[in-house]
Amino acid sequence: SIRKSNRLTESSCCLVNPAGAVSTHLQKVLSMSKQDFEMSKHIFEVNPEAPLVKRLRELSVNSENDDFIKMTGSQMLSVAMLQAGLVPDINEMVHSTDELLQELASKRSSIITE
């Protein structure tokens, strides 16, 4: 699930364990020792005051930005997973990173100005 974060002040997002769940690290240890152990679903918290989130909100009024916003959201989730010690879908993350870098590069000019 996704929810507004009340804890983040600078970061755009993070993953948190649901109330009552053991830590992610302990869950990983348990999943290695017990084959039938299932990791709890994490909560994706988003900081609505983060500059990136604010900008995505501004861009959302134009439907032409929908794909870019989805790619960025996917990338944000992958980064939050890495920060939590979880492994995101590597192929999806590589594809998303490549798409975002292409988007950034397309906004640059090759004209030299002095």
Protein backbone atom coordinates (compact mmCIF):
# COMPACT_ATOMS: atom_id res chain seq x y z
CA SER A 1 0.00 0.00 0.00
CA ILE A 2 0.97 3.64 -0.35
CA ARG A 3 0.49 6.38 2.19
CA LYS A 4 1.51 9.93 2.97
CA SER A 5 4.57 10.03 5.20
CA ASN A 6 4.55 11.99 8.42
CA ARG A 7 8.12 10.97 9.26
CA LEU A 8 10.12 12.01 6.20
CA THR A 9 11.54 15.53 6.05
CA GLU A 10 14.09 15.40 3.22
CA SER A 11 13.68 12.07 1.42
CA SER A 12 11.01 11.60 -1.22
CA CYS A 13 9.97 8.16 -0.03
CA CYS A 14 10.73 5.06 2.01
CA LEU A 15 9.43 1.59 2.75
CA VAL A 16 8.17 0.76 6.23
CA ASN A 17 6.96 -2.41 7.86
CA PRO A 18 3.32 -2.60 8.88
CA ALA A 19 2.53 -2.25 12.58
CA GLY A 20 3.39 -5.40 14.47
CA ALA A 21 5.70 -6.83 11.79
CA VAL A 22 9.25 -7.82 12.63
CA SER A 23 12.14 -5.89 11.07
CA THR A 24 13.00 -6.42 7.42
CA HIS A 25 16.40 -7.82 8.40
CA LEU A 26 14.84 -10.43 10.70
CA GLN A 27 12.28 -11.30 8.02
CA LYS A 28 15.11 -11.93 5.54
CA VAL A 29 16.87 -14.20 8.06
CA LEU A 30 13.64 -16.11 8.72
CA SER A 31 12.94 -16.49 4.99
CA MET A 32 16.37 -18.08 4.52
CA SER A 33 15.85 -20.54 7.39
CA LYS A 34 12.17 -21.35 6.77
CA GLN A 35 11.14 -22.07 3.21
CA ASP A 36 7.46 -21.39 3.92
CA PHE A 37 8.09 -18.02 5.59
CA GLU A 38 6.48 -15.10 3.77
CA MET A 39 7.85 -11.58 4.06
CA SER A 40 5.25 -9.03 5.16
CA LYS A 41 4.04 -6.50 2.63
CA HIS A 42 5.81 -3.19 3.12
CA ILE A 43 4.13 0.20 3.05
CA PHE A 44 5.46 2.72 0.52
CA GLU A 45 5.49 6.10 2.24
CA VAL A 46 5.73 9.24 0.11
CA ASN A 47 6.74 12.67 1.37
CA PRO A 48 4.34 15.15 -0.29
CA GLU A 49 6.66 18.05 0.61
CA ALA A 50 9.72 16.63 -1.17
CA PRO A 51 10.70 18.71 -4.24
CA LEU A 52 10.49 15.68 -6.56
CA VAL A 53 7.00 14.76 -5.38
CA LYS A 54 5.84 18.36 -5.67
CA ARG A 55 7.16 18.53 -9.23
CA LEU A 56 5.49 15.25 -10.20
CA ARG A 57 2.23 16.63 -8.82
CA GLU A 58 2.64 19.74 -11.02
CA LEU A 59 3.38 17.58 -14.07
CA SER A 60 0.33 15.38 -13.44
CA VAL A 61 -2.08 18.01 -14.82
CA ASN A 62 -0.79 17.17 -18.32
CA SER A 63 -1.63 13.60 -19.37
CA GLU A 64 1.39 13.62 -21.71
CA ASN A 65 3.50 13.24 -18.55
CA ASP A 66 1.73 10.08 -17.35
CA ASP A 67 4.39 7.65 -18.61
CA PHE A 68 7.20 9.77 -17.16
CA ILE A 69 5.42 9.96 -13.79
CA LYS A 70 4.88 6.19 -13.76
CA MET A 71 8.56 5.56 -14.61
CA THR A 72 9.66 7.96 -11.90
CA GLY A 73 7.34 6.34 -9.35
CA SER A 74 8.69 2.92 -10.26
CA GLN A 75 12.23 4.21 -9.84
CA MET A 76 11.35 5.76 -6.48
CA LEU A 77 9.96 2.41 -5.29
CA SER A 78 13.11 0.58 -6.46
CA VAL A 79 15.33 3.04 -4.59
CA ALA A 80 13.18 2.69 -1.45
CA MET A 81 13.52 -1.10 -1.72
CA LEU A 82 17.30 -0.83 -1.97
CA GLN A 83 17.39 1.48 1.05
CA ALA A 84 15.35 -1.07 3.01
CA GLY A 85 17.77 -3.85 2.06
CA LEU A 86 15.40 -5.48 -0.41
CA VAL A 87 16.15 -6.43 -3.98
CA PRO A 88 13.87 -4.81 -6.60
CA ASP A 89 13.22 -6.32 -10.02
CA ILE A 90 16.64 -5.61 -11.53
CA ASN A 91 15.47 -5.74 -15.17
CA GLU A 92 12.66 -3.29 -14.46
CA MET A 93 14.99 -0.98 -12.54
CA VAL A 94 17.59 -0.98 -15.33
CA HIS A 95 14.91 -0.27 -17.93
CA SER A 96 13.41 2.52 -15.82
CA THR A 97 16.83 4.07 -15.17
CA ASP A 98 17.67 3.97 -18.87
CA GLU A 99 14.34 5.60 -19.80
CA LEU A 100 14.79 8.35 -17.22
CA LEU A 101 18.36 9.05 -18.34
CA GLN A 102 17.21 9.25 -21.96
CA GLU A 103 14.50 11.70 -20.89
CA LEU A 104 17.08 13.83 -19.08
CA ALA A 105 19.53 13.71 -21.98
CA SER A 106 16.84 14.72 -24.47
CA LYS A 107 16.36 17.99 -22.57
CA ARG A 108 20.02 18.98 -23.03
CA SER A 109 21.26 21.12 -25.90
CA SER A 110 24.33 20.34 -28.02
CA ILE A 111 24.71 24.04 -28.84
CA ILE A 112 27.69 25.68 -27.14
CA THR A 113 26.96 29.09 -25.72
CA GLU A 114 29.52 31.41 -24.19
